[in-house]
Amino acid sequence: MPAKKKMKRKNLIVFDMDGVLIDVSLSYRDTVRQAARLFFKGARGWEDLPDPLFSLLDLTRVKQSGGLNNDWDLSFTVISLIYSLAKGPRASTAAEPWQHYRAGISRCDVSELARFLKSESLPLTRLAEKIGRPIHEFISACYTGDVGTGNIIKQIFQEIYLGSELFQATYGVFPSVYIGTGLINKERLLIDPSILEHLFLRHILAIATGRPKIEADYPLDRFQIRRYFSAVYTLDDCLREEKKRFEAGKGRISLGKPNPYMLDALKAVFQEDVSGYYYIGDMPDDMVTAAGSNAPFLGIGLLVSSEDRKELAEALRKAGAVEIIDDFESLLALVNPDKR
């Protein structure tokens, strides 16, 4: 009886979503800017704040500093930075979150902040270099809990990003500060579907993203690319596992990137069929995630969405990137070396 032909093992290619598969410069990134500005509405001098408050390049430099893969955390950090130049309360005695927020902002003066933002080309970068990541009691109190239970910063962000209809459908509450079309609709696909098709036919494709599931599902369906991916891990999977471990007495731990939980979980699913492991990301934290996995993932830094490719490439290499590529054609050559 002839020997059974052994199936050829494939590469497991895992993609981050933001800045890799999806251009988020006009969605998530601009939402951070708009949320930071809208947060201060009602303060004295608010009308003098520049619009936008800062450039996307300036924001990217803060995000690349590490530990800010989650854009809610990024928004909190940005608001904390610029609040350092606002004259406002350091704390509040109001028990109800929205009352606390509105009362505090009404006592705030952002005139000096407006002058600073207008006078600097990279104001966030300069502030971060000077004061690091400041903590203000008033701002921290506005970033506690969740949407609908007092997290003002996260709620403002989600209202802008999702838009009023999708926000209400997602959270079951009416928007408080923003009524309009969500910036999620400004996203565009970065990878040509023909390249996805090529990779799909030869490898196992998956996604590991910090997005909540509903926000990952939206572009997958909108751009009709879901069929290419054998698995999609999101923030929801991380939170579910965090809760499970906490209830088992293992303490509280964040399993979002740069924790390698999602990559480790994907390895467990596909390891018998895989010969090589790749994680494609655009941020230093993605490279740290790949290096920390218990599978031999190669961190591949992608520059396709970067405004400053030289600076990003250096940051990615420092974080452990094995390869730096400019586009998806280079990815094809990397994972299919015999088919260039």
C-alpha atoms as a PDB file:
ATOM      1  CA  MET A   1       0.000   0.000   0.000  1.00  0.00           C
ATOM      2  CA  PRO A   2       1.552   3.350  -0.985  1.00  0.00           C
ATOM      3  CA  ALA A   3       2.563   5.694   1.804  1.00  0.00           C
ATOM      4  CA  LYS A   4       0.154   8.501   2.596  1.00  0.00           C
ATOM      5  CA  LYS A   5       1.305  11.769   1.079  1.00  0.00           C
ATOM      6  CA  LYS A   6       2.235  14.214   3.809  1.00  0.00           C
ATOM      7  CA  MET A   7       0.409  17.534   3.663  1.00  0.00           C
ATOM      8  CA  LYS A   8       2.708  20.511   3.229  1.00  0.00           C
ATOM      9  CA  ARG A   9       2.702  22.711   6.324  1.00  0.00           C
ATOM     10  CA  LYS A  10       1.956  26.395   5.846  1.00  0.00           C
ATOM     11  CA  ASN A  11       3.055  29.640   7.402  1.00  0.00           C
ATOM     12  CA  LEU A  12       0.779  31.281   9.954  1.00  0.00           C
ATOM     13  CA  ILE A  13       0.637  34.968   9.048  1.00  0.00           C
ATOM     14  CA  VAL A  14      -1.057  37.096  11.692  1.00  0.00           C
ATOM     15  CA  PHE A  15      -1.962  40.707  10.963  1.00  0.00           C
ATOM     16  CA  ASP A  16      -2.593  43.610  13.257  1.00  0.00           C
ATOM     17  CA  MET A  17      -5.560  45.573  11.931  1.00  0.00           C
ATOM     18  CA  ASP A  18      -5.034  49.310  12.499  1.00  0.00           C
ATOM     19  CA  GLY A  19      -2.367  50.801  10.258  1.00  0.00           C
ATOM     20  CA  VAL A  20      -1.771  47.389   8.680  1.00  0.00           C
ATOM     21  CA  LEU A  21      -4.946  46.096   7.062  1.00  0.00           C
ATOM     22  CA  ILE A  22      -6.971  49.253   7.666  1.00  0.00           C
ATOM     23  CA  ASP A  23      -6.004  52.917   7.283  1.00  0.00           C
ATOM     24  CA  VAL A  24      -7.145  54.560  10.514  1.00  0.00           C
ATOM     25  CA  SER A  25      -5.573  57.998  10.040  1.00  0.00           C
ATOM     26  CA  LEU A  26      -9.016  59.541   9.487  1.00  0.00           C
ATOM     27  CA  SER A  27     -10.816  57.305  11.993  1.00  0.00           C
ATOM     28  CA  TYR A  28      -9.109  56.168  15.201  1.00  0.00           C
ATOM     29  CA  ARG A  29      -6.257  58.676  14.977  1.00  0.00           C
ATOM     30  CA  ASP A  30      -8.473  61.628  14.138  1.00  0.00           C
ATOM     31  CA  THR A  31     -10.958  60.472  16.785  1.00  0.00           C
ATOM     32  CA  VAL A  32      -8.210  60.906  19.398  1.00  0.00           C
ATOM     33  CA  ARG A  33      -7.689  64.483  18.217  1.00  0.00           C
ATOM     34  CA  GLN A  34     -11.384  65.311  18.112  1.00  0.00           C
ATOM     35  CA  ALA A  35     -12.054  63.659  21.483  1.00  0.00           C
ATOM     36  CA  ALA A  36      -9.232  65.649  23.101  1.00  0.00           C
ATOM     37  CA  ARG A  37     -10.668  68.908  21.773  1.00  0.00           C
ATOM     38  CA  LEU A  38     -14.294  68.074  22.559  1.00  0.00           C
ATOM     39  CA  PHE A  39     -13.330  67.043  26.093  1.00  0.00           C
ATOM     40  CA  PHE A  40     -12.525  70.691  26.887  1.00  0.00           C
ATOM     41  CA  LYS A  41     -15.720  72.154  25.409  1.00  0.00           C
ATOM     42  CA  GLY A  42     -17.234  74.493  27.978  1.00  0.00           C
ATOM     43  CA  ALA A  43     -13.871  75.679  29.274  1.00  0.00           C
ATOM     44  CA  ARG A  44     -12.938  79.352  29.115  1.00  0.00           C
ATOM     45  CA  GLY A  45     -11.011  79.974  25.898  1.00  0.00           C
ATOM     46  CA  TRP A  46     -12.195  76.751  24.206  1.00  0.00           C
ATOM     47  CA  GLU A  47     -13.079  78.602  20.991  1.00  0.00           C
ATOM     48  CA  ASP A  48      -9.420  79.659  20.690  1.00  0.00           C
ATOM     49  CA  LEU A  49      -8.121  76.085  20.629  1.00  0.00           C
ATOM     50  CA  PRO A  50      -6.737  75.144  17.195  1.00  0.00           C
ATOM     51  CA  ASP A  51      -8.711  72.618  15.161  1.00  0.00           C
ATOM     52  CA  PRO A  52      -7.160  70.130  14.916  1.00  0.00           C
ATOM     53  CA  LEU A  53      -5.259  70.457  18.178  1.00  0.00           C
ATOM     54  CA  PHE A  54      -2.104  68.795  16.832  1.00  0.00           C
ATOM     55  CA  SER A  55      -0.806  66.909  13.802  1.00  0.00           C
ATOM     56  CA  LEU A  56      -1.188  63.179  13.232  1.00  0.00           C
ATOM     57  CA  LEU A  57       2.612  62.945  13.142  1.00  0.00           C
ATOM     58  CA  ASP A  58       2.758  64.439  16.642  1.00  0.00           C
ATOM     59  CA  LEU A  59       0.152  61.946  17.846  1.00  0.00           C
ATOM     60  CA  THR A  60       1.995  59.043  16.226  1.00  0.00           C
ATOM     61  CA  ARG A  61       5.183  59.907  18.083  1.00  0.00           C
ATOM     62  CA  VAL A  62       3.347  59.705  21.397  1.00  0.00           C
ATOM     63  CA  LYS A  63       1.735  56.403  20.424  1.00  0.00           C
ATOM     64  CA  GLN A  64       5.085  54.953  19.354  1.00  0.00           C
ATOM     65  CA  SER A  65       6.565  55.707  22.780  1.00  0.00           C
ATOM     66  CA  GLY A  66       5.091  52.399  23.964  1.00  0.00           C
ATOM     67  CA  GLY A  67       2.275  51.029  26.085  1.00  0.00           C
ATOM     68  CA  LEU A  68      -0.413  52.922  24.160  1.00  0.00           C
ATOM     69  CA  ASN A  69      -1.678  50.301  21.737  1.00  0.00           C
ATOM     70  CA  ASN A  70      -5.202  50.988  23.019  1.00  0.00           C
ATOM     71  CA  ASP A  71      -6.479  54.287  21.597  1.00  0.00           C
ATOM     72  CA  TRP A  72      -8.635  54.902  24.685  1.00  0.00           C
ATOM     73  CA  ASP A  73      -5.432  54.861  26.731  1.00  0.00           C
ATOM     74  CA  LEU A  74      -3.825  57.077  24.105  1.00  0.00           C
ATOM     75  CA  SER A  75      -6.695  59.568  24.403  1.00  0.00           C
ATOM     76  CA  PHE A  76      -6.362  59.592  28.190  1.00  0.00           C
ATOM     77  CA  THR A  77      -2.615  60.174  27.905  1.00  0.00           C
ATOM     78  CA  VAL A  78      -3.032  63.004  25.381  1.00  0.00           C
ATOM     79  CA  ILE A  79      -5.728  64.728  27.448  1.00  0.00           C
ATOM     80  CA  SER A  80      -3.573  64.368  30.561  1.00  0.00           C
ATOM     81  CA  LEU A  81      -0.618  65.918  28.733  1.00  0.00           C
ATOM     82  CA  ILE A  82      -2.454  68.984  27.494  1.00  0.00           C
ATOM     83  CA  TYR A  83      -4.405  69.392  30.745  1.00  0.00           C
ATOM     84  CA  SER A  84      -1.036  70.150  32.314  1.00  0.00           C
ATOM     85  CA  LEU A  85      -1.236  73.560  30.610  1.00  0.00           C
ATOM     86  CA  ALA A  86      -4.877  74.209  31.493  1.00  0.00           C
ATOM     87  CA  LYS A  87      -5.914  76.095  34.574  1.00  0.00           C
ATOM     88  CA  GLY A  88      -8.502  73.846  36.132  1.00  0.00           C
ATOM     89  CA  PRO A  89      -9.477  71.753  39.143  1.00  0.00           C
ATOM     90  CA  ARG A  90      -7.097  69.120  40.389  1.00  0.00           C
ATOM     91  CA  ALA A  91      -9.995  67.135  41.876  1.00  0.00           C
ATOM     92  CA  SER A  92     -13.770  67.197  42.311  1.00  0.00           C
ATOM     93  CA  THR A  93     -16.148  66.289  45.097  1.00  0.00           C
ATOM     94  CA  ALA A  94     -19.062  65.535  42.725  1.00  0.00           C
ATOM     95  CA  ALA A  95     -20.158  61.918  43.021  1.00  0.00           C
ATOM     96  CA  GLU A  96     -21.941  61.593  39.658  1.00  0.00           C
ATOM     97  CA  PRO A  97     -19.341  61.240  36.837  1.00  0.00           C
ATOM     98  CA  TRP A  98     -20.911  63.564  34.272  1.00  0.00           C
ATOM     99  CA  GLN A  99     -21.616  66.183  36.942  1.00  0.00           C
ATOM    100  CA  HIS A 100     -17.979  65.870  38.049  1.00  0.00           C
ATOM    101  CA  TYR A 101     -16.782  66.334  34.470  1.00  0.00           C
ATOM    102  CA  ARG A 102     -19.029  69.245  33.495  1.00  0.00           C
ATOM    103  CA  ALA A 103     -18.456  71.102  36.768  1.00  0.00           C
ATOM    104  CA  GLY A 104     -14.703  70.707  36.405  1.00  0.00           C
ATOM    105  CA  ILE A 105     -14.552  71.811  32.769  1.00  0.00           C
ATOM    106  CA  SER A 106     -16.719  74.869  33.501  1.00  0.00           C
ATOM    107  CA  ARG A 107     -14.018  76.003  35.952  1.00  0.00           C
ATOM    108  CA  CYS A 108     -11.219  75.364  33.474  1.00  0.00           C
ATOM    109  CA  ASP A 109      -9.309  77.986  31.456  1.00  0.00           C
ATOM    110  CA  VAL A 110      -7.495  76.748  28.331  1.00  0.00           C
ATOM    111  CA  SER A 111      -6.255  80.119  27.035  1.00  0.00           C
ATOM    112  CA  GLU A 112      -2.605  79.332  27.824  1.00  0.00           C
ATOM    113  CA  LEU A 113      -3.019  75.866  26.320  1.00  0.00           C
ATOM    114  CA  ALA A 114      -4.401  77.389  23.103  1.00  0.00           C
ATOM    115  CA  ARG A 115      -1.379  79.679  22.781  1.00  0.00           C
ATOM    116  CA  PHE A 116       1.027  76.785  23.325  1.00  0.00           C
ATOM    117  CA  LEU A 117      -0.665  74.502  20.787  1.00  0.00           C
ATOM    118  CA  LYS A 118      -0.578  77.262  18.171  1.00  0.00           C
ATOM    119  CA  SER A 119       3.083  78.069  18.780  1.00  0.00           C
ATOM    120  CA  GLU A 120       4.504  74.528  18.591  1.00  0.00           C
ATOM    121  CA  SER A 121       4.758  72.244  15.556  1.00  0.00           C
ATOM    122  CA  LEU A 122       4.913  69.105  17.749  1.00  0.00           C
ATOM    123  CA  PRO A 123       3.313  70.168  21.051  1.00  0.00           C
ATOM    124  CA  LEU A 124       2.570  66.666  22.367  1.00  0.00           C
ATOM    125  CA  THR A 125       6.106  65.494  21.675  1.00  0.00           C
ATOM    126  CA  ARG A 126       7.544  68.512  23.459  1.00  0.00           C
ATOM    127  CA  LEU A 127       5.259  68.083  26.472  1.00  0.00           C
ATOM    128  CA  ALA A 128       6.003  64.353  26.708  1.00  0.00           C
ATOM    129  CA  GLU A 129       9.746  65.021  26.613  1.00  0.00           C
ATOM    130  CA  LYS A 130       9.394  67.653  29.316  1.00  0.00           C
ATOM    131  CA  ILE A 131       6.913  66.086  31.770  1.00  0.00           C
ATOM    132  CA  GLY A 132       6.530  62.431  30.728  1.00  0.00           C
ATOM    133  CA  ARG A 133       3.077  61.035  31.391  1.00  0.00           C
ATOM    134  CA  PRO A 134       1.468  63.161  34.102  1.00  0.00           C
ATOM    135  CA  ILE A 135      -1.387  61.977  36.273  1.00  0.00           C
ATOM    136  CA  HIS A 136      -4.126  64.447  37.226  1.00  0.00           C
ATOM    137  CA  GLU A 137      -6.789  63.390  39.699  1.00  0.00           C
ATOM    138  CA  PHE A 138      -9.524  65.208  37.786  1.00  0.00           C
ATOM    139  CA  ILE A 139      -8.618  63.564  34.450  1.00  0.00           C
ATOM    140  CA  SER A 140      -8.139  60.125  36.015  1.00  0.00           C
ATOM    141  CA  ALA A 141     -11.633  60.355  37.507  1.00  0.00           C
ATOM    142  CA  CYS A 142     -12.933  60.920  33.959  1.00  0.00           C
ATOM    143  CA  TYR A 143     -11.304  57.670  32.823  1.00  0.00           C
ATOM    144  CA  THR A 144     -12.806  55.236  35.307  1.00  0.00           C
ATOM    145  CA  GLY A 145     -15.393  52.561  34.601  1.00  0.00           C
ATOM    146  CA  ASP A 146     -16.887  52.051  31.157  1.00  0.00           C
ATOM    147  CA  VAL A 147     -19.204  53.713  28.677  1.00  0.00           C
ATOM    148  CA  GLY A 148     -22.476  54.376  30.473  1.00  0.00           C
ATOM    149  CA  THR A 149     -20.930  53.939  33.913  1.00  0.00           C
ATOM    150  CA  GLY A 150     -18.742  57.018  34.120  1.00  0.00           C
ATOM    151  CA  ASN A 151     -15.812  56.708  31.722  1.00  0.00           C
ATOM    152  CA  ILE A 152     -16.173  60.145  30.141  1.00  0.00           C
ATOM    153  CA  ILE A 153     -13.068  59.982  27.942  1.00  0.00           C
ATOM    154  CA  LYS A 154     -13.884  56.550  26.537  1.00  0.00           C
ATOM    155  CA  GLN A 155     -17.505  57.553  25.903  1.00  0.00           C
ATOM    156  CA  ILE A 156     -16.563  60.735  24.034  1.00  0.00           C
ATOM    157  CA  PHE A 157     -14.127  58.690  21.937  1.00  0.00           C
ATOM    158  CA  GLN A 158     -16.698  56.002  21.139  1.00  0.00           C
ATOM    159  CA  GLU A 159     -19.410  58.519  20.251  1.00  0.00           C
ATOM    160  CA  ILE A 160     -17.119  60.190  17.707  1.00  0.00           C
ATOM    161  CA  TYR A 161     -15.693  56.970  16.299  1.00  0.00           C
ATOM    162  CA  LEU A 162     -18.917  54.981  15.997  1.00  0.00           C
ATOM    163  CA  GLY A 163     -21.365  57.785  15.259  1.00  0.00           C
ATOM    164  CA  SER A 164     -24.700  58.198  17.002  1.00  0.00           C
ATOM    165  CA  GLU A 165     -26.543  55.223  15.457  1.00  0.00           C
ATOM    166  CA  LEU A 166     -23.819  52.598  15.885  1.00  0.00           C
ATOM    167  CA  PHE A 167     -22.937  53.967  19.335  1.00  0.00           C
ATOM    168  CA  GLN A 168     -26.520  53.572  20.525  1.00  0.00           C
ATOM    169  CA  ALA A 169     -26.783  50.104  18.971  1.00  0.00           C
ATOM    170  CA  THR A 170     -23.538  49.048  20.655  1.00  0.00           C
ATOM    171  CA  TYR A 171     -24.037  50.448  24.144  1.00  0.00           C
ATOM    172  CA  GLY A 172     -27.805  50.880  24.460  1.00  0.00           C
ATOM    173  CA  VAL A 173     -27.483  54.491  25.622  1.00  0.00           C
ATOM    174  CA  PHE A 174     -27.890  57.808  23.827  1.00  0.00           C
ATOM    175  CA  PRO A 175     -24.801  59.873  22.946  1.00  0.00           C
ATOM    176  CA  SER A 176     -24.009  62.671  25.407  1.00  0.00           C
ATOM    177  CA  VAL A 177     -21.670  64.983  23.490  1.00  0.00           C
ATOM    178  CA  TYR A 178     -21.492  63.993  19.800  1.00  0.00           C
ATOM    179  CA  ILE A 179     -24.286  63.461  17.303  1.00  0.00           C
ATOM    180  CA  GLY A 180     -23.100  62.824  13.790  1.00  0.00           C
ATOM    181  CA  THR A 181     -21.594  60.333  11.374  1.00  0.00           C
ATOM    182  CA  GLY A 182     -18.966  58.064  12.878  1.00  0.00           C
ATOM    183  CA  LEU A 183     -15.371  58.369  11.729  1.00  0.00           C
ATOM    184  CA  ILE A 184     -15.326  54.578  11.407  1.00  0.00           C
ATOM    185  CA  ASN A 185     -16.853  55.194   7.978  1.00  0.00           C
ATOM    186  CA  LYS A 186     -13.709  57.044   6.859  1.00  0.00           C
ATOM    187  CA  GLU A 187     -11.547  53.941   7.112  1.00  0.00           C
ATOM    188  CA  ARG A 188     -10.105  52.411   3.961  1.00  0.00           C
ATOM    189  CA  LEU A 189      -8.486  49.111   3.083  1.00  0.00           C
ATOM    190  CA  LEU A 190      -4.687  49.241   2.880  1.00  0.00           C
ATOM    191  CA  ILE A 191      -4.064  45.812   1.366  1.00  0.00           C
ATOM    192  CA  ASP A 192      -5.145  44.923  -2.156  1.00  0.00           C
ATOM    193  CA  PRO A 193      -7.641  42.018  -2.069  1.00  0.00           C
ATOM    194  CA  SER A 194      -5.624  40.259  -4.787  1.00  0.00           C
ATOM    195  CA  ILE A 195      -2.654  40.083  -2.403  1.00  0.00           C
ATOM    196  CA  LEU A 196      -4.891  38.741   0.351  1.00  0.00           C
ATOM    197  CA  GLU A 197      -6.179  36.120  -2.087  1.00  0.00           C
ATOM    198  CA  HIS A 198      -2.630  35.112  -2.991  1.00  0.00           C
ATOM    199  CA  LEU A 199      -1.642  34.754   0.663  1.00  0.00           C
ATOM    200  CA  PHE A 200      -4.899  33.007   1.555  1.00  0.00           C
ATOM    201  CA  LEU A 201      -4.308  30.255  -1.021  1.00  0.00           C
ATOM    202  CA  ARG A 202      -0.812  29.488   0.286  1.00  0.00           C
ATOM    203  CA  HIS A 203      -0.843  30.235   4.013  1.00  0.00           C
ATOM    204  CA  ILE A 204      -3.018  30.407   7.112  1.00  0.00           C
ATOM    205  CA  LEU A 205      -4.104  33.992   7.780  1.00  0.00           C
ATOM    206  CA  ALA A 206      -5.338  35.390  11.098  1.00  0.00           C
ATOM    207  CA  ILE A 207      -5.815  38.704  12.890  1.00  0.00           C
ATOM    208  CA  ALA A 208      -4.727  39.793  16.384  1.00  0.00           C
ATOM    209  CA  THR A 209      -6.058  43.271  17.108  1.00  0.00           C
ATOM    210  CA  GLY A 210      -6.702  45.494  20.085  1.00  0.00           C
ATOM    211  CA  ARG A 211     -10.090  46.462  18.646  1.00  0.00           C
ATOM    212  CA  PRO A 212     -13.294  45.355  20.354  1.00  0.00           C
ATOM    213  CA  LYS A 213     -15.017  42.612  18.340  1.00  0.00           C
ATOM    214  CA  ILE A 214     -17.781  44.820  16.960  1.00  0.00           C
ATOM    215  CA  GLU A 215     -15.196  47.311  15.667  1.00  0.00           C
ATOM    216  CA  ALA A 216     -13.124  44.542  14.079  1.00  0.00           C
ATOM    217  CA  ASP A 217     -16.182  42.962  12.468  1.00  0.00           C
ATOM    218  CA  TYR A 218     -17.274  46.242  10.871  1.00  0.00           C
ATOM    219  CA  PRO A 219     -14.395  46.654   8.352  1.00  0.00           C
ATOM    220  CA  LEU A 220     -14.121  42.903   7.765  1.00  0.00           C
ATOM    221  CA  ASP A 221     -17.698  42.926   6.527  1.00  0.00           C
ATOM    222  CA  ARG A 222     -17.636  46.374   4.934  1.00  0.00           C
ATOM    223  CA  PHE A 223     -14.592  45.519   2.790  1.00  0.00           C
ATOM    224  CA  GLN A 224     -15.665  41.872   2.348  1.00  0.00           C
ATOM    225  CA  ILE A 225     -12.381  40.346   3.522  1.00  0.00           C
ATOM    226  CA  ARG A 226     -13.574  38.171   6.400  1.00  0.00           C
ATOM    227  CA  ARG A 227     -13.337  34.971   4.344  1.00  0.00           C
ATOM    228  CA  TYR A 228      -9.551  35.241   4.115  1.00  0.00           C
ATOM    229  CA  PHE A 229      -8.966  34.876   7.850  1.00  0.00           C
ATOM    230  CA  SER A 230      -9.172  31.566   9.690  1.00  0.00           C
ATOM    231  CA  ALA A 231      -9.307  33.274  13.096  1.00  0.00           C
ATOM    232  CA  VAL A 232      -9.774  36.791  14.462  1.00  0.00           C
ATOM    233  CA  TYR A 233      -8.680  37.588  18.026  1.00  0.00           C
ATOM    234  CA  THR A 234      -9.867  40.887  19.514  1.00  0.00           C
ATOM    235  CA  LEU A 235      -9.987  42.826  22.763  1.00  0.00           C
ATOM    236  CA  ASP A 236     -13.095  40.833  23.690  1.00  0.00           C
ATOM    237  CA  ASP A 237     -11.057  37.614  23.749  1.00  0.00           C
ATOM    238  CA  CYS A 238      -8.448  39.239  25.987  1.00  0.00           C
ATOM    239  CA  LEU A 239     -11.064  40.557  28.417  1.00  0.00           C
ATOM    240  CA  ARG A 240     -12.829  37.190  28.530  1.00  0.00           C
ATOM    241  CA  GLU A 241      -9.585  35.404  29.408  1.00  0.00           C
ATOM    242  CA  GLU A 242      -8.651  38.094  31.951  1.00  0.00           C
ATOM    243  CA  LYS A 243     -11.955  37.534  33.733  1.00  0.00           C
ATOM    244  CA  LYS A 244     -11.503  33.766  33.647  1.00  0.00           C
ATOM    245  CA  ARG A 245      -8.042  33.977  35.193  1.00  0.00           C
ATOM    246  CA  PHE A 246      -9.156  36.459  37.834  1.00  0.00           C
ATOM    247  CA  GLU A 247     -12.045  34.221  38.871  1.00  0.00           C
ATOM    248  CA  ALA A 248      -9.576  31.335  39.104  1.00  0.00           C
ATOM    249  CA  GLY A 249      -7.566  33.325  41.649  1.00  0.00           C
ATOM    250  CA  LYS A 250      -4.705  34.279  39.315  1.00  0.00           C
ATOM    251  CA  GLY A 251      -5.008  38.018  39.913  1.00  0.00           C
ATOM    252  CA  ARG A 252      -5.628  40.849  37.489  1.00  0.00           C
ATOM    253  CA  ILE A 253      -3.470  41.086  34.399  1.00  0.00           C
ATOM    254  CA  SER A 254      -3.882  42.875  31.083  1.00  0.00           C
ATOM    255  CA  LEU A 255      -3.721  40.443  28.174  1.00  0.00           C
ATOM    256  CA  GLY A 256      -3.878  43.117  25.485  1.00  0.00           C
ATOM    257  CA  LYS A 257      -0.760  43.891  23.478  1.00  0.00           C
ATOM    258  CA  PRO A 258       2.140  43.926  24.170  1.00  0.00           C
ATOM    259  CA  ASN A 259       1.131  40.839  26.177  1.00  0.00           C
ATOM    260  CA  PRO A 260       1.469  37.948  23.668  1.00  0.00           C
ATOM    261  CA  TYR A 261      -1.760  36.208  24.746  1.00  0.00           C
ATOM    262  CA  MET A 262      -3.464  36.492  21.343  1.00  0.00           C
ATOM    263  CA  LEU A 263      -0.452  35.140  19.451  1.00  0.00           C
ATOM    264  CA  ASP A 264      -0.029  32.303  21.942  1.00  0.00           C
ATOM    265  CA  ALA A 265      -3.714  31.425  21.549  1.00  0.00           C
ATOM    266  CA  LEU A 266      -3.378  31.355  17.759  1.00  0.00           C
ATOM    267  CA  LYS A 267      -0.341  29.103  18.033  1.00  0.00           C
ATOM    268  CA  ALA A 268      -2.360  26.652  20.129  1.00  0.00           C
ATOM    269  CA  VAL A 269      -5.079  26.552  17.469  1.00  0.00           C
ATOM    270  CA  PHE A 270      -2.880  26.051  14.401  1.00  0.00           C
ATOM    271  CA  GLN A 271       0.482  24.690  15.578  1.00  0.00           C
ATOM    272  CA  GLU A 272       0.109  21.234  13.979  1.00  0.00           C
ATOM    273  CA  ASP A 273      -0.348  22.784  10.536  1.00  0.00           C
ATOM    274  CA  VAL A 274       2.280  25.522  10.745  1.00  0.00           C
ATOM    275  CA  SER A 275       5.912  25.663   9.654  1.00  0.00           C
ATOM    276  CA  GLY A 276       6.598  29.375  10.180  1.00  0.00           C
ATOM    277  CA  TYR A 277       5.125  32.212  12.217  1.00  0.00           C
ATOM    278  CA  TYR A 278       4.831  35.882  11.212  1.00  0.00           C
ATOM    279  CA  TYR A 279       3.201  38.853  12.937  1.00  0.00           C
ATOM    280  CA  ILE A 280       2.715  41.945  10.782  1.00  0.00           C
ATOM    281  CA  GLY A 281       2.427  45.193  12.749  1.00  0.00           C
ATOM    282  CA  ASP A 282       3.074  48.910  12.487  1.00  0.00           C
ATOM    283  CA  MET A 283       3.904  49.789  16.095  1.00  0.00           C
ATOM    284  CA  PRO A 284       6.836  48.950  18.398  1.00  0.00           C
ATOM    285  CA  ASP A 285       4.403  47.222  20.777  1.00  0.00           C
ATOM    286  CA  ASP A 286       3.556  44.785  17.967  1.00  0.00           C
ATOM    287  CA  MET A 287       7.202  43.778  17.721  1.00  0.00           C
ATOM    288  CA  VAL A 288       7.401  43.337  21.501  1.00  0.00           C
ATOM    289  CA  THR A 289       4.290  41.156  21.300  1.00  0.00           C
ATOM    290  CA  ALA A 290       5.856  38.907  18.657  1.00  0.00           C
ATOM    291  CA  ALA A 291       9.129  38.581  20.562  1.00  0.00           C
ATOM    292  CA  GLY A 292       7.296  37.669  23.772  1.00  0.00           C
ATOM    293  CA  SER A 293       5.226  34.856  22.304  1.00  0.00           C
ATOM    294  CA  ASN A 294       5.948  31.234  23.191  1.00  0.00           C
ATOM    295  CA  ALA A 295       5.776  30.533  19.447  1.00  0.00           C
ATOM    296  CA  PRO A 296       8.691  31.617  17.220  1.00  0.00           C
ATOM    297  CA  PHE A 297       6.846  34.571  15.700  1.00  0.00           C
ATOM    298  CA  LEU A 298       8.908  36.861  13.513  1.00  0.00           C
ATOM    299  CA  GLY A 299       7.931  40.474  14.061  1.00  0.00           C
ATOM    300  CA  ILE A 300       7.563  42.161  10.676  1.00  0.00           C
ATOM    301  CA  GLY A 301       7.341  45.947  10.767  1.00  0.00           C
ATOM    302  CA  LEU A 302       5.144  47.470   8.057  1.00  0.00           C
ATOM    303  CA  LEU A 303       5.663  51.107   7.058  1.00  0.00           C
ATOM    304  CA  VAL A 304       2.828  51.487   4.550  1.00  0.00           C
ATOM    305  CA  SER A 305       0.756  53.881   6.687  1.00  0.00           C
ATOM    306  CA  SER A 306       3.590  55.825   8.335  1.00  0.00           C
ATOM    307  CA  GLU A 307       4.092  59.576   7.893  1.00  0.00           C
ATOM    308  CA  ASP A 308       7.753  59.288   8.928  1.00  0.00           C
ATOM    309  CA  ARG A 309       9.049  55.957   7.661  1.00  0.00           C
ATOM    310  CA  LYS A 310      12.657  56.466   8.714  1.00  0.00           C
ATOM    311  CA  GLU A 311      11.751  57.233  12.322  1.00  0.00           C
ATOM    312  CA  LEU A 312       9.221  54.394  12.535  1.00  0.00           C
ATOM    313  CA  ALA A 313      11.651  51.889  11.024  1.00  0.00           C
ATOM    314  CA  GLU A 314      14.214  52.759  13.688  1.00  0.00           C
ATOM    315  CA  ALA A 315      11.621  52.414  16.470  1.00  0.00           C
ATOM    316  CA  LEU A 316      10.447  49.059  15.102  1.00  0.00           C
ATOM    317  CA  ARG A 317      14.000  47.705  14.922  1.00  0.00           C
ATOM    318  CA  LYS A 318      14.699  48.797  18.494  1.00  0.00           C
ATOM    319  CA  ALA A 319      11.552  46.966  19.583  1.00  0.00           C
ATOM    320  CA  GLY A 320      12.734  43.729  17.960  1.00  0.00           C
ATOM    321  CA  ALA A 321      11.498  43.736  14.359  1.00  0.00           C
ATOM    322  CA  VAL A 322      13.158  40.964  12.356  1.00  0.00           C
ATOM    323  CA  GLU A 323      12.271  42.573   9.027  1.00  0.00           C
ATOM    324  CA  ILE A 324      11.037  46.008   7.959  1.00  0.00           C
ATOM    325  CA  ILE A 325       8.906  46.190   4.809  1.00  0.00           C
ATOM    326  CA  ASP A 326       7.500  49.162   2.924  1.00  0.00           C
ATOM    327  CA  ASP A 327       4.527  47.457   1.306  1.00  0.00           C
ATOM    328  CA  PHE A 328       2.595  44.223   0.901  1.00  0.00           C
ATOM    329  CA  GLU A 329       4.472  43.214  -2.255  1.00  0.00           C
ATOM    330  CA  SER A 330       7.540  42.939  -0.020  1.00  0.00           C
ATOM    331  CA  LEU A 331       5.544  40.677   2.295  1.00  0.00           C
ATOM    332  CA  LEU A 332       4.819  38.341  -0.621  1.00  0.00           C
ATOM    333  CA  ALA A 333       8.522  38.099  -1.370  1.00  0.00           C
ATOM    334  CA  LEU A 334       9.301  37.490   2.299  1.00  0.00           C
ATOM    335  CA  VAL A 335       6.875  34.610   2.867  1.00  0.00           C
ATOM    336  CA  ASN A 336       7.185  33.153  -0.658  1.00  0.00           C
ATOM    337  CA  PRO A 337      10.945  33.416  -1.313  1.00  0.00           C
ATOM    338  CA  ASP A 338      10.775  31.018  -4.284  1.00  0.00           C
ATOM    339  CA  LYS A 339       7.985  32.916  -6.038  1.00  0.00           C
ATOM    340  CA  ARG A 340       9.420  36.392  -6.446  1.00  0.00           C
END
